[in-house]
Amino acid sequence: MLSISFTNTPIEVLEACASNKDDITDYLSNTIGTIFFDEMVMISTCNRTEWVFVSPEPTKALDVLFETIKEKTNVSRSILEQHATVYHQINALGHLFRVVCGLKSMVLGENEILAQVKHNYAICMEFGATSGYLNKLFQLLIATGKEVRNVTQISKGAHSISSIAIEAMKE
């Protein structure tokens, strides 16, 4: 998994990496179906863009992914590598669970992230970029994110950054 997030990335790099549905399908077109990527889900929010993938050769897949991002964003590879976080196996899983539960948001417990993950997963699934492993994983992630919000108080009073800004402007 490759992550570009607000915690360690300048805003201009975050903005360059932000992806809408067309961008996501473009990334998927350039990676899925190659020998290095079996499955992929991209998560793109206002605070992060992450590429979650299954690969028989993760090191080579990361190399291809960094080059693809560089070409798409016009951000140098050295800048991308300086600000990216790479997660492998269990660390990637832990990170994803913290994201969907709202623990890795600018606003603790933010609800918007779960909806964004669900939306991005649906785009990737519709494209055909997911299969057995990532389908099971993302179904579990989404269910866990919902369950955490139902049984804890993490989302009580949590708002998105935009809703906080609107409230501040009203006051």
N, C-alpha and C. Protein backbone atom coordinates (compact mmCIF):
# COMPACT_ATOMS: atom_id res chain seq x y z
N MET A 1 0.84 -1.18 0.00
CA MET A 1 0.00 0.00 0.00
C MET A 1 0.88 1.23 0.00
N LEU A 2 0.50 2.21 -0.81
CA LEU A 2 1.22 3.48 -0.90
C LEU A 2 0.26 4.58 -0.46
N SER A 3 0.70 5.40 0.46
CA SER A 3 -0.15 6.44 1.04
C SER A 3 0.50 7.81 0.94
N ILE A 4 -0.27 8.74 0.45
CA ILE A 4 0.10 10.16 0.46
C ILE A 4 -0.98 10.83 1.30
N SER A 5 -0.61 11.34 2.49
CA SER A 5 -1.65 11.89 3.36
C SER A 5 -1.24 13.21 3.99
N PHE A 6 -2.22 13.86 4.60
CA PHE A 6 -2.02 15.18 5.21
C PHE A 6 -0.98 15.15 6.33
N THR A 7 -0.69 14.00 6.89
CA THR A 7 0.22 13.93 8.03
C THR A 7 1.67 14.22 7.67
N ASN A 8 2.04 13.99 6.41
CA ASN A 8 3.45 14.18 6.06
C ASN A 8 3.66 14.71 4.64
N THR A 9 2.62 15.35 4.08
CA THR A 9 2.71 15.78 2.69
C THR A 9 2.27 17.23 2.55
N PRO A 10 3.03 18.06 1.85
CA PRO A 10 2.61 19.44 1.61
C PRO A 10 1.31 19.47 0.79
N ILE A 11 0.52 20.50 1.00
CA ILE A 11 -0.79 20.63 0.36
C ILE A 11 -0.70 20.56 -1.16
N GLU A 12 0.35 21.13 -1.75
CA GLU A 12 0.44 21.13 -3.22
C GLU A 12 0.64 19.71 -3.77
N VAL A 13 1.33 18.86 -3.03
CA VAL A 13 1.50 17.46 -3.46
C VAL A 13 0.19 16.70 -3.24
N LEU A 14 -0.47 16.96 -2.11
CA LEU A 14 -1.78 16.34 -1.85
C LEU A 14 -2.76 16.68 -2.97
N GLU A 15 -2.80 17.94 -3.33
CA GLU A 15 -3.71 18.39 -4.39
C GLU A 15 -3.38 17.74 -5.73
N ALA A 16 -2.11 17.62 -6.03
CA ALA A 16 -1.70 17.00 -7.30
C ALA A 16 -2.10 15.53 -7.35
N CYS A 17 -2.07 14.86 -6.20
CA CYS A 17 -2.40 13.43 -6.15
C CYS A 17 -3.89 13.16 -6.00
N ALA A 18 -4.66 14.16 -5.60
CA ALA A 18 -6.11 13.97 -5.43
C ALA A 18 -6.70 13.46 -6.74
N SER A 19 -7.64 12.54 -6.64
CA SER A 19 -8.16 11.88 -7.83
C SER A 19 -9.68 11.77 -7.80
N ASN A 20 -10.29 12.11 -8.92
CA ASN A 20 -11.73 11.90 -9.09
C ASN A 20 -11.94 10.55 -9.78
N LYS A 21 -13.18 10.25 -10.12
CA LYS A 21 -13.47 8.95 -10.72
C LYS A 21 -12.68 8.71 -12.01
N ASP A 22 -12.58 9.71 -12.86
CA ASP A 22 -11.82 9.56 -14.11
C ASP A 22 -10.34 9.29 -13.84
N ASP A 23 -9.77 10.01 -12.86
CA ASP A 23 -8.37 9.79 -12.50
C ASP A 23 -8.16 8.38 -11.96
N ILE A 24 -9.09 7.94 -11.11
CA ILE A 24 -8.98 6.60 -10.53
C ILE A 24 -9.00 5.55 -11.63
N THR A 25 -9.94 5.67 -12.56
CA THR A 25 -10.01 4.69 -13.64
C THR A 25 -8.77 4.77 -14.54
N ASP A 26 -8.20 5.94 -14.66
CA ASP A 26 -6.95 6.09 -15.43
C ASP A 26 -5.81 5.34 -14.74
N TYR A 27 -5.68 5.52 -13.43
CA TYR A 27 -4.66 4.76 -12.68
C TYR A 27 -4.89 3.26 -12.83
N LEU A 28 -6.14 2.84 -12.70
CA LEU A 28 -6.45 1.42 -12.80
C LEU A 28 -6.13 0.89 -14.19
N SER A 29 -6.42 1.67 -15.22
CA SER A 29 -6.12 1.26 -16.60
C SER A 29 -4.63 1.05 -16.82
N ASN A 30 -3.82 1.86 -16.13
CA ASN A 30 -2.37 1.78 -16.30
C ASN A 30 -1.70 0.72 -15.43
N THR A 31 -2.45 0.13 -14.49
CA THR A 31 -1.81 -0.82 -13.58
C THR A 31 -2.46 -2.21 -13.61
N ILE A 32 -3.77 -2.26 -13.50
CA ILE A 32 -4.47 -3.55 -13.46
C ILE A 32 -4.33 -4.22 -14.83
N GLY A 33 -4.05 -5.47 -14.80
CA GLY A 33 -3.84 -6.20 -16.05
C GLY A 33 -2.38 -6.33 -16.41
N THR A 34 -1.52 -5.57 -15.72
CA THR A 34 -0.08 -5.77 -15.92
C THR A 34 0.35 -6.92 -15.03
N ILE A 35 1.54 -7.39 -15.23
CA ILE A 35 2.00 -8.55 -14.46
C ILE A 35 2.29 -8.21 -13.00
N PHE A 36 2.31 -6.92 -12.65
CA PHE A 36 2.68 -6.53 -11.30
C PHE A 36 1.50 -6.27 -10.38
N PHE A 37 0.29 -6.14 -10.92
CA PHE A 37 -0.88 -5.82 -10.10
C PHE A 37 -2.00 -6.81 -10.35
N ASP A 38 -2.38 -7.52 -9.30
CA ASP A 38 -3.53 -8.43 -9.40
C ASP A 38 -4.83 -7.70 -9.08
N GLU A 39 -4.80 -6.85 -8.06
CA GLU A 39 -5.99 -6.12 -7.61
C GLU A 39 -5.55 -4.75 -7.12
N MET A 40 -6.49 -3.78 -7.15
CA MET A 40 -6.18 -2.46 -6.61
C MET A 40 -7.46 -1.73 -6.23
N VAL A 41 -7.37 -1.00 -5.11
CA VAL A 41 -8.39 -0.04 -4.73
C VAL A 41 -7.66 1.26 -4.42
N MET A 42 -8.15 2.33 -4.99
CA MET A 42 -7.62 3.66 -4.71
C MET A 42 -8.58 4.37 -3.78
N ILE A 43 -8.03 5.01 -2.78
CA ILE A 43 -8.83 5.84 -1.87
C ILE A 43 -8.35 7.26 -2.05
N SER A 44 -9.26 8.16 -2.42
CA SER A 44 -8.87 9.55 -2.59
C SER A 44 -9.88 10.43 -1.86
N THR A 45 -9.38 11.18 -0.88
CA THR A 45 -10.20 12.11 -0.13
C THR A 45 -9.49 13.46 -0.15
N CYS A 46 -10.04 14.42 0.55
CA CYS A 46 -9.37 15.72 0.59
C CYS A 46 -8.06 15.67 1.38
N ASN A 47 -7.89 14.63 2.20
CA ASN A 47 -6.72 14.55 3.06
C ASN A 47 -5.75 13.42 2.74
N ARG A 48 -6.08 12.61 1.75
CA ARG A 48 -5.22 11.47 1.45
C ARG A 48 -5.54 10.90 0.07
N THR A 49 -4.54 10.30 -0.55
CA THR A 49 -4.73 9.44 -1.70
C THR A 49 -3.89 8.20 -1.42
N GLU A 50 -4.54 7.04 -1.51
CA GLU A 50 -3.86 5.80 -1.19
C GLU A 50 -4.14 4.75 -2.25
N TRP A 51 -3.13 3.97 -2.54
CA TRP A 51 -3.23 2.88 -3.50
C TRP A 51 -3.03 1.58 -2.74
N VAL A 52 -4.09 0.81 -2.63
CA VAL A 52 -4.05 -0.48 -1.93
C VAL A 52 -4.01 -1.53 -3.02
N PHE A 53 -3.02 -2.39 -3.02
CA PHE A 53 -2.90 -3.34 -4.12
C PHE A 53 -2.40 -4.70 -3.66
N VAL A 54 -2.70 -5.68 -4.48
CA VAL A 54 -2.21 -7.04 -4.30
C VAL A 54 -1.28 -7.30 -5.48
N SER A 55 -0.09 -7.78 -5.17
CA SER A 55 0.91 -7.97 -6.22
C SER A 55 1.79 -9.18 -5.93
N PRO A 56 2.14 -9.92 -6.98
CA PRO A 56 3.10 -11.01 -6.78
C PRO A 56 4.52 -10.48 -6.57
N GLU A 57 4.76 -9.23 -6.98
CA GLU A 57 6.07 -8.59 -6.82
C GLU A 57 5.89 -7.17 -6.31
N PRO A 58 5.64 -7.00 -5.01
CA PRO A 58 5.33 -5.68 -4.46
C PRO A 58 6.40 -4.62 -4.70
N THR A 59 7.67 -5.00 -4.67
CA THR A 59 8.72 -4.01 -4.89
C THR A 59 8.65 -3.44 -6.30
N LYS A 60 8.49 -4.31 -7.28
CA LYS A 60 8.37 -3.86 -8.67
C LYS A 60 7.05 -3.09 -8.86
N ALA A 61 5.99 -3.54 -8.21
CA ALA A 61 4.70 -2.85 -8.31
C ALA A 61 4.82 -1.42 -7.78
N LEU A 62 5.51 -1.24 -6.65
CA LEU A 62 5.72 0.11 -6.12
C LEU A 62 6.50 0.98 -7.09
N ASP A 63 7.50 0.39 -7.72
CA ASP A 63 8.29 1.13 -8.70
C ASP A 63 7.40 1.61 -9.85
N VAL A 64 6.58 0.72 -10.38
CA VAL A 64 5.65 1.06 -11.47
C VAL A 64 4.65 2.12 -10.99
N LEU A 65 4.15 1.96 -9.77
CA LEU A 65 3.17 2.89 -9.24
C LEU A 65 3.76 4.29 -9.05
N PHE A 66 4.95 4.38 -8.50
CA PHE A 66 5.60 5.69 -8.36
C PHE A 66 5.77 6.36 -9.72
N GLU A 67 6.18 5.61 -10.72
CA GLU A 67 6.35 6.17 -12.07
C GLU A 67 5.01 6.62 -12.65
N THR A 68 3.97 5.84 -12.43
CA THR A 68 2.63 6.19 -12.93
C THR A 68 2.14 7.47 -12.26
N ILE A 69 2.33 7.58 -10.96
CA ILE A 69 1.91 8.78 -10.23
C ILE A 69 2.70 9.98 -10.71
N LYS A 70 3.99 9.82 -10.88
CA LYS A 70 4.84 10.91 -11.37
C LYS A 70 4.35 11.43 -12.70
N GLU A 71 4.06 10.51 -13.63
CA GLU A 71 3.59 10.91 -14.96
C GLU A 71 2.24 11.62 -14.89
N LYS A 72 1.37 11.14 -14.03
CA LYS A 72 0.02 11.70 -13.94
C LYS A 72 0.01 13.05 -13.23
N THR A 73 0.85 13.22 -12.21
CA THR A 73 0.79 14.43 -11.38
C THR A 73 1.84 15.48 -11.72
N ASN A 74 2.87 15.09 -12.45
CA ASN A 74 4.03 15.96 -12.71
C ASN A 74 4.77 16.34 -11.43
N VAL A 75 4.65 15.50 -10.41
CA VAL A 75 5.42 15.66 -9.18
C VAL A 75 6.61 14.71 -9.30
N SER A 76 7.80 15.20 -9.02
CA SER A 76 8.99 14.36 -9.18
C SER A 76 8.92 13.13 -8.29
N ARG A 77 9.53 12.09 -8.74
CA ARG A 77 9.54 10.84 -7.98
C ARG A 77 10.21 11.04 -6.63
N SER A 78 11.27 11.82 -6.58
CA SER A 78 11.96 12.03 -5.31
C SER A 78 11.05 12.73 -4.29
N ILE A 79 10.25 13.68 -4.75
CA ILE A 79 9.29 14.35 -3.85
C ILE A 79 8.23 13.35 -3.40
N LEU A 80 7.70 12.56 -4.33
CA LEU A 80 6.71 11.55 -3.97
C LEU A 80 7.26 10.58 -2.94
N GLU A 81 8.46 10.09 -3.18
CA GLU A 81 9.06 9.12 -2.25
C GLU A 81 9.35 9.75 -0.89
N GLN A 82 9.69 11.03 -0.89
CA GLN A 82 9.98 11.73 0.37
C GLN A 82 8.73 11.82 1.24
N HIS A 83 7.57 11.97 0.63
CA HIS A 83 6.34 12.21 1.40
C HIS A 83 5.42 11.00 1.48
N ALA A 84 5.69 9.98 0.72
CA ALA A 84 4.82 8.80 0.73
C ALA A 84 5.17 7.89 1.91
N THR A 85 4.15 7.16 2.34
CA THR A 85 4.36 6.10 3.33
C THR A 85 3.97 4.80 2.64
N VAL A 86 4.83 3.82 2.75
CA VAL A 86 4.55 2.50 2.19
C VAL A 86 4.25 1.56 3.35
N TYR A 87 3.13 0.88 3.24
CA TYR A 87 2.72 -0.11 4.25
C TYR A 87 2.72 -1.48 3.60
N HIS A 88 3.20 -2.46 4.33
CA HIS A 88 3.20 -3.84 3.84
C HIS A 88 2.35 -4.70 4.76
N GLN A 89 1.65 -5.62 4.18
CA GLN A 89 0.92 -6.69 4.85
C GLN A 89 0.16 -6.22 6.08
N ILE A 90 0.49 -6.71 7.27
CA ILE A 90 -0.29 -6.43 8.48
C ILE A 90 -0.31 -4.94 8.81
N ASN A 91 0.78 -4.23 8.50
CA ASN A 91 0.80 -2.78 8.74
C ASN A 91 -0.18 -2.05 7.83
N ALA A 92 -0.32 -2.54 6.60
CA ALA A 92 -1.30 -1.95 5.68
C ALA A 92 -2.72 -2.19 6.21
N LEU A 93 -2.97 -3.39 6.69
CA LEU A 93 -4.29 -3.70 7.24
C LEU A 93 -4.61 -2.82 8.44
N GLY A 94 -3.68 -2.70 9.35
CA GLY A 94 -3.88 -1.85 10.52
C GLY A 94 -4.16 -0.42 10.14
N HIS A 95 -3.40 0.09 9.19
CA HIS A 95 -3.61 1.46 8.72
C HIS A 95 -5.01 1.63 8.14
N LEU A 96 -5.42 0.70 7.29
CA LEU A 96 -6.75 0.80 6.68
C LEU A 96 -7.86 0.77 7.71
N PHE A 97 -7.75 -0.09 8.71
CA PHE A 97 -8.77 -0.15 9.76
C PHE A 97 -8.81 1.17 10.54
N ARG A 98 -7.65 1.76 10.81
CA ARG A 98 -7.64 3.05 11.51
C ARG A 98 -8.27 4.14 10.64
N VAL A 99 -8.04 4.10 9.34
CA VAL A 99 -8.64 5.09 8.44
C VAL A 99 -10.16 4.98 8.46
N VAL A 100 -10.71 3.79 8.23
CA VAL A 100 -12.17 3.65 8.14
C VAL A 100 -12.86 3.89 9.47
N CYS A 101 -12.15 3.72 10.57
CA CYS A 101 -12.74 3.96 11.88
C CYS A 101 -12.64 5.43 12.30
N GLY A 102 -12.01 6.25 11.48
CA GLY A 102 -11.91 7.67 11.77
C GLY A 102 -10.76 8.04 12.68
N LEU A 103 -9.83 7.12 12.88
CA LEU A 103 -8.70 7.40 13.76
C LEU A 103 -7.55 8.11 13.05
N LYS A 104 -7.57 8.13 11.72
CA LYS A 104 -6.50 8.76 10.95
C LYS A 104 -6.99 10.00 10.22
N SER A 105 -8.08 10.57 10.72
CA SER A 105 -8.65 11.76 10.09
C SER A 105 -8.15 13.02 10.79
N MET A 106 -8.22 14.14 10.10
CA MET A 106 -7.88 15.41 10.73
C MET A 106 -8.81 15.67 11.91
N VAL A 107 -10.07 15.28 11.75
CA VAL A 107 -11.06 15.39 12.81
C VAL A 107 -11.36 13.97 13.28
N LEU A 108 -10.99 13.65 14.50
CA LEU A 108 -11.17 12.30 15.03
C LEU A 108 -12.62 11.85 14.90
N GLY A 109 -12.81 10.68 14.30
CA GLY A 109 -14.14 10.11 14.17
C GLY A 109 -14.95 10.63 12.99
N GLU A 110 -14.34 11.42 12.15
CA GLU A 110 -15.03 11.99 10.99
C GLU A 110 -15.80 10.91 10.24
N ASN A 111 -17.08 11.19 9.96
CA ASN A 111 -17.94 10.23 9.27
C ASN A 111 -17.71 10.19 7.76
N GLU A 112 -17.30 11.29 7.21
CA GLU A 112 -17.18 11.43 5.76
C GLU A 112 -16.21 10.41 5.15
N ILE A 113 -15.16 10.07 5.87
CA ILE A 113 -14.14 9.17 5.34
C ILE A 113 -14.71 7.80 4.98
N LEU A 114 -15.60 7.28 5.80
CA LEU A 114 -16.18 5.97 5.53
C LEU A 114 -16.97 5.99 4.23
N ALA A 115 -17.75 7.04 4.02
CA ALA A 115 -18.51 7.17 2.78
C ALA A 115 -17.58 7.29 1.58
N GLN A 116 -16.48 8.00 1.73
CA GLN A 116 -15.52 8.15 0.64
C GLN A 116 -14.83 6.83 0.32
N VAL A 117 -14.49 6.07 1.33
CA VAL A 117 -13.88 4.75 1.11
C VAL A 117 -14.86 3.85 0.37
N LYS A 118 -16.12 3.83 0.81
CA LYS A 118 -17.14 3.02 0.15
C LYS A 118 -17.30 3.42 -1.31
N HIS A 119 -17.33 4.73 -1.57
CA HIS A 119 -17.50 5.24 -2.94
C HIS A 119 -16.31 4.84 -3.82
N ASN A 120 -15.09 5.04 -3.31
CA ASN A 120 -13.89 4.71 -4.10
C ASN A 120 -13.78 3.21 -4.34
N TYR A 121 -14.12 2.41 -3.34
CA TYR A 121 -14.12 0.95 -3.50
C TYR A 121 -15.11 0.55 -4.59
N ALA A 122 -16.30 1.16 -4.59
CA ALA A 122 -17.31 0.84 -5.60
C ALA A 122 -16.81 1.16 -7.01
N ILE A 123 -16.10 2.26 -7.17
CA ILE A 123 -15.53 2.63 -8.47
C ILE A 123 -14.56 1.54 -8.93
N CYS A 124 -13.67 1.13 -8.04
CA CYS A 124 -12.65 0.13 -8.38
C CYS A 124 -13.27 -1.24 -8.65
N MET A 125 -14.29 -1.58 -7.88
CA MET A 125 -14.97 -2.86 -8.09
C MET A 125 -15.71 -2.84 -9.43
N GLU A 126 -16.37 -1.74 -9.72
CA GLU A 126 -17.09 -1.59 -10.99
C GLU A 126 -16.13 -1.69 -12.18
N PHE A 127 -14.93 -1.17 -12.01
CA PHE A 127 -13.91 -1.22 -13.05
C PHE A 127 -13.41 -2.65 -13.27
N GLY A 128 -13.55 -3.49 -12.26
CA GLY A 128 -13.03 -4.86 -12.34
C GLY A 128 -11.65 -4.99 -11.76
N ALA A 129 -11.24 -4.02 -10.93
CA ALA A 129 -9.89 -4.01 -10.37
C ALA A 129 -9.78 -4.79 -9.07
N THR A 130 -10.92 -5.25 -8.56
CA THR A 130 -10.89 -6.02 -7.31
C THR A 130 -11.31 -7.46 -7.58
N SER A 131 -10.89 -8.31 -6.68
CA SER A 131 -11.25 -9.72 -6.78
C SER A 131 -11.41 -10.24 -5.35
N GLY A 132 -11.18 -11.52 -5.17
CA GLY A 132 -11.42 -12.17 -3.89
C GLY A 132 -10.82 -11.49 -2.69
N TYR A 133 -9.55 -11.16 -2.74
CA TYR A 133 -8.88 -10.62 -1.55
C TYR A 133 -9.38 -9.23 -1.19
N LEU A 134 -9.29 -8.28 -2.12
CA LEU A 134 -9.68 -6.91 -1.79
C LEU A 134 -11.19 -6.77 -1.60
N ASN A 135 -11.99 -7.58 -2.28
CA ASN A 135 -13.44 -7.52 -2.04
C ASN A 135 -13.74 -7.90 -0.59
N LYS A 136 -13.17 -8.99 -0.12
CA LYS A 136 -13.39 -9.40 1.27
C LYS A 136 -12.85 -8.37 2.24
N LEU A 137 -11.65 -7.87 1.96
CA LEU A 137 -11.03 -6.88 2.84
C LEU A 137 -11.89 -5.63 2.94
N PHE A 138 -12.31 -5.07 1.82
CA PHE A 138 -13.05 -3.81 1.87
C PHE A 138 -14.46 -3.99 2.43
N GLN A 139 -15.07 -5.13 2.23
CA GLN A 139 -16.36 -5.39 2.88
C GLN A 139 -16.17 -5.43 4.40
N LEU A 140 -15.10 -6.05 4.86
CA LEU A 140 -14.81 -6.10 6.29
C LEU A 140 -14.46 -4.71 6.82
N LEU A 141 -13.67 -3.95 6.08
CA LEU A 141 -13.32 -2.59 6.49
C LEU A 141 -14.57 -1.73 6.66
N ILE A 142 -15.45 -1.76 5.68
CA ILE A 142 -16.67 -0.95 5.72
C ILE A 142 -17.57 -1.38 6.87
N ALA A 143 -17.74 -2.67 7.05
CA ALA A 143 -18.55 -3.17 8.16
C ALA A 143 -17.95 -2.76 9.50
N THR A 144 -16.63 -2.83 9.61
CA THR A 144 -15.97 -2.45 10.86
C THR A 144 -16.12 -0.96 11.13
N GLY A 145 -15.95 -0.15 10.09
CA GLY A 145 -16.12 1.30 10.25
C GLY A 145 -17.52 1.64 10.74
N LYS A 146 -18.53 0.98 10.20
CA LYS A 146 -19.91 1.19 10.65
C LYS A 146 -20.08 0.74 12.09
N GLU A 147 -19.56 -0.44 12.41
CA GLU A 147 -19.70 -1.00 13.76
C GLU A 147 -19.03 -0.11 14.81
N VAL A 148 -17.87 0.38 14.51
CA VAL A 148 -17.16 1.26 15.44
C VAL A 148 -18.00 2.50 15.72
N ARG A 149 -18.61 3.05 14.71
CA ARG A 149 -19.44 4.24 14.90
C ARG A 149 -20.72 3.92 15.69
N ASN A 150 -21.23 2.69 15.54
CA ASN A 150 -22.44 2.30 16.25
C ASN A 150 -22.20 2.00 17.72
N VAL A 151 -21.05 1.44 18.08
CA VAL A 151 -20.85 0.98 19.45
C VAL A 151 -19.94 1.89 20.28
N THR A 152 -19.35 2.88 19.66
CA THR A 152 -18.50 3.82 20.41
C THR A 152 -19.05 5.23 20.24
N GLN A 153 -18.45 6.14 20.91
CA GLN A 153 -18.82 7.56 20.82
C GLN A 153 -17.87 8.33 19.89
N ILE A 154 -17.09 7.62 19.08
CA ILE A 154 -16.04 8.28 18.29
C ILE A 154 -16.59 9.36 17.35
N SER A 155 -17.79 9.15 16.83
CA SER A 155 -18.33 10.12 15.88
C SER A 155 -19.21 11.18 16.54
N LYS A 156 -19.42 11.06 17.83
CA LYS A 156 -20.26 12.04 18.51
C LYS A 156 -19.61 13.41 18.44
N GLY A 157 -20.29 14.31 17.77
CA GLY A 157 -19.78 15.66 17.63
C GLY A 157 -18.72 15.81 16.56
N ALA A 158 -18.30 14.71 15.93
CA ALA A 158 -17.27 14.81 14.89
C ALA A 158 -17.87 15.37 13.62
N HIS A 159 -17.17 16.27 13.03
CA HIS A 159 -17.58 16.89 11.78
C HIS A 159 -16.41 16.81 10.81
N SER A 160 -16.72 17.08 9.57
CA SER A 160 -15.64 17.17 8.60
C SER A 160 -14.99 18.55 8.72
N ILE A 161 -13.83 18.70 8.15
CA ILE A 161 -13.13 19.99 8.15
C ILE A 161 -14.01 21.05 7.51
N SER A 162 -14.70 20.70 6.41
CA SER A 162 -15.53 21.69 5.73
C SER A 162 -16.70 22.12 6.60
N SER A 163 -17.33 21.20 7.32
CA SER A 163 -18.46 21.60 8.18
C SER A 163 -17.97 22.45 9.35
N ILE A 164 -16.78 22.17 9.87
CA ILE A 164 -16.21 22.99 10.93
C ILE A 164 -15.94 24.41 10.42
N ALA A 165 -15.43 24.51 9.19
CA ALA A 165 -15.16 25.82 8.60
C ALA A 165 -16.45 26.60 8.41
N ILE A 166 -17.50 25.94 7.96
CA ILE A 166 -18.79 26.61 7.76
C ILE A 166 -19.34 27.11 9.09
N GLU A 167 -19.26 26.28 10.12
CA GLU A 167 -19.71 26.70 11.47
C GLU A 167 -18.92 27.90 11.96
N ALA A 168 -17.61 27.89 11.74
CA ALA A 168 -16.77 29.01 12.17
C ALA A 168 -17.15 30.28 11.43
N MET A 169 -17.46 30.16 10.13
CA MET A 169 -17.84 31.34 9.36
C MET A 169 -19.19 31.88 9.83
N LYS A 170 -20.12 30.99 10.20
CA LYS A 170 -21.42 31.45 10.71
C LYS A 170 -21.26 32.23 12.00
N GLU A 171 -20.37 31.74 12.87
CA GLU A 171 -20.14 32.41 14.15
C GLU A 171 -19.41 33.72 13.94
